[in-house]
Amino acid sequence: MRKLKKVTALDNYILDCKFNDGTLSKIDLSPLLKFDAFFPLQDQRTFKKVVNRSIFIEWPDVKLDLSADTVWHMRKETKLTNTKAN
């Protein structure tokens, strides 16, 4: 099962993620902001309140979440630098 070990919200709607297999990725969530459910995340202060729950991430204030698998697949689509680390 894919899990997130660490998630940090950066500027410009980027999440810096470390997965349980050691993969480090930067995930660009800006493409999602055009969808109604994600409108609240357009506020950077709200976006930066992301909480890591291991198998998913959430923004409790706006009742929004994404599974670790969804985040993983977005990682592949962003084509941002991906590396492995221990």
PDB file of N, CA and C in Angstrom:
ATOM      1  N   MET A   1       0.846  -1.183   0.000  1.00  0.00           N
ATOM      2  CA  MET A   1       0.000   0.000   0.000  1.00  0.00           C
ATOM      3  C   MET A   1       0.887   1.240   0.000  1.00  0.00           C
ATOM      4  N   ARG A   2       0.581   2.151  -0.885  1.00  0.00           N
ATOM      5  CA  ARG A   2       1.354   3.392  -0.989  1.00  0.00           C
ATOM      6  C   ARG A   2       0.980   4.318   0.170  1.00  0.00           C
ATOM      7  N   LYS A   3       2.013   4.900   0.781  1.00  0.00           N
ATOM      8  CA  LYS A   3       1.798   5.839   1.890  1.00  0.00           C
ATOM      9  C   LYS A   3       2.699   7.047   1.716  1.00  0.00           C
ATOM     10  N   LEU A   4       2.261   8.132   2.302  1.00  0.00           N
ATOM     11  CA  LEU A   4       3.060   9.357   2.327  1.00  0.00           C
ATOM     12  C   LEU A   4       3.741   9.458   3.681  1.00  0.00           C
ATOM     13  N   LYS A   5       5.052   9.579   3.664  1.00  0.00           N
ATOM     14  CA  LYS A   5       5.789   9.741   4.915  1.00  0.00           C
ATOM     15  C   LYS A   5       5.855  11.200   5.331  1.00  0.00           C
ATOM     16  N   LYS A   6       5.918  12.098   4.317  1.00  0.00           N
ATOM     17  CA  LYS A   6       6.045  13.520   4.622  1.00  0.00           C
ATOM     18  C   LYS A   6       5.418  14.331   3.494  1.00  0.00           C
ATOM     19  N   VAL A   7       4.703  15.385   3.872  1.00  0.00           N
ATOM     20  CA  VAL A   7       4.104  16.300   2.898  1.00  0.00           C
ATOM     21  C   VAL A   7       4.299  17.725   3.405  1.00  0.00           C
ATOM     22  N   THR A   8       4.847  18.567   2.549  1.00  0.00           N
ATOM     23  CA  THR A   8       5.042  19.973   2.877  1.00  0.00           C
ATOM     24  C   THR A   8       4.466  20.814   1.749  1.00  0.00           C
ATOM     25  N   ALA A   9       3.614  21.758   2.089  1.00  0.00           N
ATOM     26  CA  ALA A   9       3.054  22.668   1.090  1.00  0.00           C
ATOM     27  C   ALA A   9       4.047  23.792   0.818  1.00  0.00           C
ATOM     28  N   LEU A  10       4.332  24.001  -0.457  1.00  0.00           N
ATOM     29  CA  LEU A  10       5.226  25.066  -0.895  1.00  0.00           C
ATOM     30  C   LEU A  10       4.405  26.142  -1.605  1.00  0.00           C
ATOM     31  N   ASP A  11       5.064  27.183  -2.047  1.00  0.00           N
ATOM     32  CA  ASP A  11       4.379  28.228  -2.811  1.00  0.00           C
ATOM     33  C   ASP A  11       3.916  27.680  -4.156  1.00  0.00           C
ATOM     34  N   ASN A  12       3.006  28.402  -4.780  1.00  0.00           N
ATOM     35  CA  ASN A  12       2.521  28.084  -6.134  1.00  0.00           C
ATOM     36  C   ASN A  12       1.825  26.732  -6.230  1.00  0.00           C
ATOM     37  N   TYR A  13       1.176  26.310  -5.141  1.00  0.00           N
ATOM     38  CA  TYR A  13       0.355  25.092  -5.121  1.00  0.00           C
ATOM     39  C   TYR A  13       1.157  23.816  -5.389  1.00  0.00           C
ATOM     40  N   ILE A  14       2.381  23.812  -4.886  1.00  0.00           N
ATOM     41  CA  ILE A  14       3.256  22.645  -5.012  1.00  0.00           C
ATOM     42  C   ILE A  14       3.323  21.933  -3.661  1.00  0.00           C
ATOM     43  N   LEU A  15       3.230  20.604  -3.698  1.00  0.00           N
ATOM     44  CA  LEU A  15       3.439  19.786  -2.511  1.00  0.00           C
ATOM     45  C   LEU A  15       4.771  19.063  -2.665  1.00  0.00           C
ATOM     46  N   ASP A  16       5.583  19.129  -1.635  1.00  0.00           N
ATOM     47  CA  ASP A  16       6.837  18.388  -1.574  1.00  0.00           C
ATOM     48  C   ASP A  16       6.536  17.112  -0.792  1.00  0.00           C
ATOM     49  N   CYS A  17       6.637  15.962  -1.454  1.00  0.00           N
ATOM     50  CA  CYS A  17       6.194  14.702  -0.851  1.00  0.00           C
ATOM     51  C   CYS A  17       7.304  13.669  -0.785  1.00  0.00           C
ATOM     52  N   LYS A  18       7.271  12.889   0.278  1.00  0.00           N
ATOM     53  CA  LYS A  18       8.138  11.714   0.396  1.00  0.00           C
ATOM     54  C   LYS A  18       7.218  10.523   0.617  1.00  0.00           C
ATOM     55  N   PHE A  19       7.357   9.515  -0.234  1.00  0.00           N
ATOM     56  CA  PHE A  19       6.538   8.311  -0.153  1.00  0.00           C
ATOM     57  C   PHE A  19       7.265   7.216   0.617  1.00  0.00           C
ATOM     58  N   ASN A  20       6.519   6.201   1.043  1.00  0.00           N
ATOM     59  CA  ASN A  20       7.096   5.143   1.872  1.00  0.00           C
ATOM     60  C   ASN A  20       8.159   4.328   1.148  1.00  0.00           C
ATOM     61  N   ASP A  21       8.230   4.404  -0.185  1.00  0.00           N
ATOM     62  CA  ASP A  21       9.292   3.698  -0.901  1.00  0.00           C
ATOM     63  C   ASP A  21      10.548   4.550  -1.053  1.00  0.00           C
ATOM     64  N   GLY A  22      10.538   5.751  -0.458  1.00  0.00           N
ATOM     65  CA  GLY A  22      11.690   6.641  -0.507  1.00  0.00           C
ATOM     66  C   GLY A  22      11.654   7.660  -1.633  1.00  0.00           C
ATOM     67  N   THR A  23      10.668   7.564  -2.513  1.00  0.00           N
ATOM     68  CA  THR A  23      10.558   8.509  -3.619  1.00  0.00           C
ATOM     69  C   THR A  23      10.241   9.905  -3.103  1.00  0.00           C
ATOM     70  N   LEU A  24      10.983  10.895  -3.591  1.00  0.00           N
ATOM     71  CA  LEU A  24      10.732  12.304  -3.288  1.00  0.00           C
ATOM     72  C   LEU A  24      10.166  12.946  -4.546  1.00  0.00           C
ATOM     73  N   SER A  25       9.071  13.674  -4.408  1.00  0.00           N
ATOM     74  CA  SER A  25       8.437  14.294  -5.573  1.00  0.00           C
ATOM     75  C   SER A  25       7.855  15.638  -5.222  1.00  0.00           C
ATOM     76  N   LYS A  26       7.833  16.493  -6.213  1.00  0.00           N
ATOM     77  CA  LYS A  26       7.118  17.754  -6.102  1.00  0.00           C
ATOM     78  C   LYS A  26       5.862  17.606  -6.956  1.00  0.00           C
ATOM     79  N   ILE A  27       4.713  17.832  -6.341  1.00  0.00           N
ATOM     80  CA  ILE A  27       3.427  17.634  -6.993  1.00  0.00           C
ATOM     81  C   ILE A  27       2.773  18.993  -7.215  1.00  0.00           C
ATOM     82  N   ASP A  28       2.446  19.284  -8.448  1.00  0.00           N
ATOM     83  CA  ASP A  28       1.792  20.543  -8.794  1.00  0.00           C
ATOM     84  C   ASP A  28       0.280  20.345  -8.770  1.00  0.00           C
ATOM     85  N   LEU A  29      -0.387  20.924  -7.780  1.00  0.00           N
ATOM     86  CA  LEU A  29      -1.839  20.798  -7.685  1.00  0.00           C
ATOM     87  C   LEU A  29      -2.582  21.909  -8.415  1.00  0.00           C
ATOM     88  N   SER A  30      -1.879  22.847  -9.008  1.00  0.00           N
ATOM     89  CA  SER A  30      -2.561  23.968  -9.654  1.00  0.00           C
ATOM     90  C   SER A  30      -3.561  23.545 -10.735  1.00  0.00           C
ATOM     91  N   PRO A  31      -3.349  22.449 -11.497  1.00  0.00           N
ATOM     92  CA  PRO A  31      -4.362  22.058 -12.478  1.00  0.00           C
ATOM     93  C   PRO A  31      -5.724  21.718 -11.858  1.00  0.00           C
ATOM     94  N   LEU A  32      -5.730  21.297 -10.591  1.00  0.00           N
ATOM     95  CA  LEU A  32      -6.987  20.945  -9.932  1.00  0.00           C
ATOM     96  C   LEU A  32      -7.806  22.160  -9.514  1.00  0.00           C
ATOM     97  N   LEU A  33      -7.155  23.314  -9.403  1.00  0.00           N
ATOM     98  CA  LEU A  33      -7.826  24.495  -8.855  1.00  0.00           C
ATOM     99  C   LEU A  33      -8.951  25.019  -9.740  1.00  0.00           C
ATOM    100  N   LYS A  34      -9.041  24.551 -10.966  1.00  0.00           N
ATOM    101  CA  LYS A  34     -10.119  24.982 -11.855  1.00  0.00           C
ATOM    102  C   LYS A  34     -11.430  24.256 -11.557  1.00  0.00           C
ATOM    103  N   PHE A  35     -11.376  23.197 -10.765  1.00  0.00           N
ATOM    104  CA  PHE A  35     -12.566  22.432 -10.417  1.00  0.00           C
ATOM    105  C   PHE A  35     -13.193  22.983  -9.138  1.00  0.00           C
ATOM    106  N   ASP A  36     -14.524  23.027  -9.113  1.00  0.00           N
ATOM    107  CA  ASP A  36     -15.252  23.614  -7.990  1.00  0.00           C
ATOM    108  C   ASP A  36     -14.811  23.099  -6.626  1.00  0.00           C
ATOM    109  N   ALA A  37     -14.615  21.804  -6.505  1.00  0.00           N
ATOM    110  CA  ALA A  37     -14.260  21.222  -5.206  1.00  0.00           C
ATOM    111  C   ALA A  37     -12.944  21.768  -4.666  1.00  0.00           C
ATOM    112  N   PHE A  38     -12.064  22.198  -5.563  1.00  0.00           N
ATOM    113  CA  PHE A  38     -10.734  22.655  -5.158  1.00  0.00           C
ATOM    114  C   PHE A  38     -10.604  24.174  -5.072  1.00  0.00           C
ATOM    115  N   PHE A  39     -11.677  24.913  -5.373  1.00  0.00           N
ATOM    116  CA  PHE A  39     -11.634  26.378  -5.304  1.00  0.00           C
ATOM    117  C   PHE A  39     -11.080  26.900  -3.978  1.00  0.00           C
ATOM    118  N   PRO A  40     -11.459  26.302  -2.823  1.00  0.00           N
ATOM    119  CA  PRO A  40     -10.936  26.835  -1.553  1.00  0.00           C
ATOM    120  C   PRO A  40      -9.414  26.828  -1.460  1.00  0.00           C
ATOM    121  N   LEU A  41      -8.767  25.942  -2.203  1.00  0.00           N
ATOM    122  CA  LEU A  41      -7.303  25.852  -2.137  1.00  0.00           C
ATOM    123  C   LEU A  41      -6.618  26.959  -2.922  1.00  0.00           C
ATOM    124  N   GLN A  42      -7.375  27.752  -3.653  1.00  0.00           N
ATOM    125  CA  GLN A  42      -6.774  28.886  -4.361  1.00  0.00           C
ATOM    126  C   GLN A  42      -6.196  29.893  -3.373  1.00  0.00           C
ATOM    127  N   ASP A  43      -6.708  29.903  -2.162  1.00  0.00           N
ATOM    128  CA  ASP A  43      -6.142  30.726  -1.094  1.00  0.00           C
ATOM    129  C   ASP A  43      -4.902  29.990  -0.576  1.00  0.00           C
ATOM    130  N   GLN A  44      -3.732  30.568  -0.792  1.00  0.00           N
ATOM    131  CA  GLN A  44      -2.472  29.920  -0.392  1.00  0.00           C
ATOM    132  C   GLN A  44      -2.436  29.576   1.099  1.00  0.00           C
ATOM    133  N   ARG A  45      -3.058  30.406   1.929  1.00  0.00           N
ATOM    134  CA  ARG A  45      -3.061  30.097   3.373  1.00  0.00           C
ATOM    135  C   ARG A  45      -3.822  28.808   3.636  1.00  0.00           C
ATOM    136  N   THR A  46      -4.930  28.616   2.953  1.00  0.00           N
ATOM    137  CA  THR A  46      -5.705  27.380   3.095  1.00  0.00           C
ATOM    138  C   THR A  46      -4.912  26.210   2.534  1.00  0.00           C
ATOM    139  N   PHE A  47      -4.331  26.384   1.347  1.00  0.00           N
ATOM    140  CA  PHE A  47      -3.542  25.330   0.717  1.00  0.00           C
ATOM    141  C   PHE A  47      -2.436  24.833   1.646  1.00  0.00           C
ATOM    142  N   LYS A  48      -1.792  25.748   2.334  1.00  0.00           N
ATOM    143  CA  LYS A  48      -0.647  25.382   3.188  1.00  0.00           C
ATOM    144  C   LYS A  48      -1.054  24.688   4.485  1.00  0.00           C
ATOM    145  N   LYS A  49      -2.348  24.547   4.715  1.00  0.00           N
ATOM    146  CA  LYS A  49      -2.824  23.839   5.911  1.00  0.00           C
ATOM    147  C   LYS A  49      -3.014  22.347   5.655  1.00  0.00           C
ATOM    148  N   VAL A  50      -2.385  21.828   4.613  1.00  0.00           N
ATOM    149  CA  VAL A  50      -2.489  20.408   4.296  1.00  0.00           C
ATOM    150  C   VAL A  50      -1.989  19.562   5.471  1.00  0.00           C
ATOM    151  N   VAL A  51      -2.669  18.451   5.703  1.00  0.00           N
ATOM    152  CA  VAL A  51      -2.321  17.535   6.797  1.00  0.00           C
ATOM    153  C   VAL A  51      -2.056  16.157   6.190  1.00  0.00           C
ATOM    154  N   ASN A  52      -0.949  15.561   6.569  1.00  0.00           N
ATOM    155  CA  ASN A  52      -0.604  14.217   6.100  1.00  0.00           C
ATOM    156  C   ASN A  52      -1.240  13.178   7.014  1.00  0.00           C
ATOM    157  N   ARG A  53      -2.042  12.296   6.426  1.00  0.00           N
ATOM    158  CA  ARG A  53      -2.665  11.188   7.168  1.00  0.00           C
ATOM    159  C   ARG A  53      -2.140   9.837   6.673  1.00  0.00           C
ATOM    160  N   SER A  54      -0.978   9.848   6.053  1.00  0.00           N
ATOM    161  CA  SER A  54      -0.270   8.664   5.567  1.00  0.00           C
ATOM    162  C   SER A  54      -0.902   8.079   4.297  1.00  0.00           C
ATOM    163  N   ILE A  55      -2.117   7.578   4.352  1.00  0.00           N
ATOM    164  CA  ILE A  55      -2.740   7.015   3.149  1.00  0.00           C
ATOM    165  C   ILE A  55      -3.538   8.066   2.376  1.00  0.00           C
ATOM    166  N   PHE A  56      -3.625   9.257   2.923  1.00  0.00           N
ATOM    167  CA  PHE A  56      -4.242  10.379   2.224  1.00  0.00           C
ATOM    168  C   PHE A  56      -3.753  11.682   2.844  1.00  0.00           C
ATOM    169  N   ILE A  57      -3.971  12.768   2.102  1.00  0.00           N
ATOM    170  CA  ILE A  57      -3.716  14.105   2.643  1.00  0.00           C
ATOM    171  C   ILE A  57      -5.060  14.809   2.708  1.00  0.00           C
ATOM    172  N   GLU A  58      -5.155  15.768   3.609  1.00  0.00           N
ATOM    173  CA  GLU A  58      -6.431  16.474   3.717  1.00  0.00           C
ATOM    174  C   GLU A  58      -6.233  17.927   4.098  1.00  0.00           C
ATOM    175  N   TRP A  59      -7.269  18.677   3.800  1.00  0.00           N
ATOM    176  CA  TRP A  59      -7.408  20.060   4.227  1.00  0.00           C
ATOM    177  C   TRP A  59      -8.672  20.076   5.070  1.00  0.00           C
ATOM    178  N   PRO A  60      -8.539  19.841   6.393  1.00  0.00           N
ATOM    179  CA  PRO A  60      -9.715  19.678   7.261  1.00  0.00           C
ATOM    180  C   PRO A  60     -10.658  20.879   7.266  1.00  0.00           C
ATOM    181  N   ASP A  61     -10.117  22.085   7.143  1.00  0.00           N
ATOM    182  CA  ASP A  61     -10.958  23.283   7.192  1.00  0.00           C
ATOM    183  C   ASP A  61     -11.959  23.332   6.048  1.00  0.00           C
ATOM    184  N   VAL A  62     -11.609  22.719   4.916  1.00  0.00           N
ATOM    185  CA  VAL A  62     -12.501  22.769   3.746  1.00  0.00           C
ATOM    186  C   VAL A  62     -13.031  21.383   3.369  1.00  0.00           C
ATOM    187  N   LYS A  63     -12.792  20.404   4.234  1.00  0.00           N
ATOM    188  CA  LYS A  63     -13.298  19.042   4.045  1.00  0.00           C
ATOM    189  C   LYS A  63     -12.954  18.492   2.665  1.00  0.00           C
ATOM    190  N   LEU A  64     -11.662  18.492   2.383  1.00  0.00           N
ATOM    191  CA  LEU A  64     -11.164  18.039   1.095  1.00  0.00           C
ATOM    192  C   LEU A  64      -9.983  17.109   1.327  1.00  0.00           C
ATOM    193  N   ASP A  65      -9.912  16.024   0.565  1.00  0.00           N
ATOM    194  CA  ASP A  65      -8.772  15.118   0.699  1.00  0.00           C
ATOM    195  C   ASP A  65      -8.408  14.500  -0.643  1.00  0.00           C
ATOM    196  N   LEU A  66      -7.199  13.962  -0.693  1.00  0.00           N
ATOM    197  CA  LEU A  66      -6.689  13.216  -1.849  1.00  0.00           C
ATOM    198  C   LEU A  66      -5.956  11.987  -1.321  1.00  0.00           C
ATOM    199  N   SER A  67      -6.175  10.855  -1.949  1.00  0.00           N
ATOM    200  CA  SER A  67      -5.492   9.640  -1.514  1.00  0.00           C
ATOM    201  C   SER A  67      -4.009   9.700  -1.891  1.00  0.00           C
ATOM    202  N   ALA A  68      -3.227   8.915  -1.192  1.00  0.00           N
ATOM    203  CA  ALA A  68      -1.797   8.820  -1.511  1.00  0.00           C
ATOM    204  C   ALA A  68      -1.608   8.322  -2.940  1.00  0.00           C
ATOM    205  N   ASP A  69      -2.467   7.413  -3.395  1.00  0.00           N
ATOM    206  CA  ASP A  69      -2.374   6.917  -4.769  1.00  0.00           C
ATOM    207  C   ASP A  69      -2.655   8.020  -5.783  1.00  0.00           C
ATOM    208  N   THR A  70      -3.636   8.855  -5.509  1.00  0.00           N
ATOM    209  CA  THR A  70      -3.937   9.971  -6.403  1.00  0.00           C
ATOM    210  C   THR A  70      -2.745  10.908  -6.485  1.00  0.00           C
ATOM    211  N   VAL A  71      -2.164  11.228  -5.342  1.00  0.00           N
ATOM    212  CA  VAL A  71      -0.995  12.099  -5.308  1.00  0.00           C
ATOM    213  C   VAL A  71       0.146  11.460  -6.094  1.00  0.00           C
ATOM    214  N   TRP A  72       0.334  10.157  -5.927  1.00  0.00           N
ATOM    215  CA  TRP A  72       1.384   9.437  -6.647  1.00  0.00           C
ATOM    216  C   TRP A  72       1.196   9.576  -8.162  1.00  0.00           C
ATOM    217  N   HIS A  73      -0.009   9.373  -8.635  1.00  0.00           N
ATOM    218  CA  HIS A  73      -0.268   9.449 -10.078  1.00  0.00           C
ATOM    219  C   HIS A  73      -0.105  10.876 -10.601  1.00  0.00           C
ATOM    220  N   MET A  74      -0.419  11.844  -9.798  1.00  0.00           N
ATOM    221  CA  MET A  74      -0.199  13.234 -10.205  1.00  0.00           C
ATOM    222  C   MET A  74       1.292  13.497 -10.334  1.00  0.00           C
ATOM    223  N   ARG A  75       2.073  12.871  -9.501  1.00  0.00           N
ATOM    224  CA  ARG A  75       3.525  12.986  -9.551  1.00  0.00           C
ATOM    225  C   ARG A  75       4.029  12.567 -10.918  1.00  0.00           C
ATOM    226  N   LYS A  76       3.517  11.524 -11.452  1.00  0.00           N
ATOM    227  CA  LYS A  76       3.957  11.033 -12.748  1.00  0.00           C
ATOM    228  C   LYS A  76       3.573  11.994 -13.861  1.00  0.00           C
ATOM    229  N   GLU A  77       2.459  12.670 -13.708  1.00  0.00           N
ATOM    230  CA  GLU A  77       1.974  13.568 -14.747  1.00  0.00           C
ATOM    231  C   GLU A  77       2.644  14.930 -14.726  1.00  0.00           C
ATOM    232  N   THR A  78       3.167  15.351 -13.577  1.00  0.00           N
ATOM    233  CA  THR A  78       3.730  16.695 -13.486  1.00  0.00           C
ATOM    234  C   THR A  78       5.077  16.816 -14.177  1.00  0.00           C
ATOM    235  N   LYS A  79       5.802  15.689 -14.278  1.00  0.00           N
ATOM    236  CA  LYS A  79       7.124  15.685 -14.891  1.00  0.00           C
ATOM    237  C   LYS A  79       8.111  16.617 -14.166  1.00  0.00           C
ATOM    238  N   LEU A  80       7.845  16.874 -12.911  1.00  0.00           N
ATOM    239  CA  LEU A  80       8.806  17.612 -12.098  1.00  0.00           C
ATOM    240  C   LEU A  80       9.865  16.619 -11.621  1.00  0.00           C
ATOM    241  N   THR A  81      10.943  17.115 -11.105  1.00  0.00           N
ATOM    242  CA  THR A  81      12.049  16.270 -10.669  1.00  0.00           C
ATOM    243  C   THR A  81      11.591  15.249  -9.633  1.00  0.00           C
ATOM    244  N   ASN A  82      11.885  13.997  -9.881  1.00  0.00           N
ATOM    245  CA  ASN A  82      11.591  12.907  -8.955  1.00  0.00           C
ATOM    246  C   ASN A  82      12.898  12.175  -8.672  1.00  0.00           C
ATOM    247  N   THR A  83      13.145  11.941  -7.416  1.00  0.00           N
ATOM    248  CA  THR A  83      14.372  11.240  -7.037  1.00  0.00           C
ATOM    249  C   THR A  83      14.062  10.246  -5.943  1.00  0.00           C
ATOM    250  N   LYS A  84      15.017   9.380  -5.680  1.00  0.00           N
ATOM    251  CA  LYS A  84      14.897   8.434  -4.574  1.00  0.00           C
ATOM    252  C   LYS A  84      15.837   8.863  -3.464  1.00  0.00           C
ATOM    253  N   ALA A  85      15.356   8.747  -2.226  1.00  0.00           N
ATOM    254  CA  ALA A  85      16.188   9.066  -1.062  1.00  0.00           C
ATOM    255  C   ALA A  85      15.823   8.100   0.048  1.00  0.00           C
ATOM    256  N   ASN A  86      16.712   7.885   0.953  1.00  0.00           N
ATOM    257  CA  ASN A  86      16.441   6.997   2.099  1.00  0.00           C
ATOM    258  C   ASN A  86      15.774   7.713   3.211  1.00  0.00           C
TER     259      ASN A  86
END
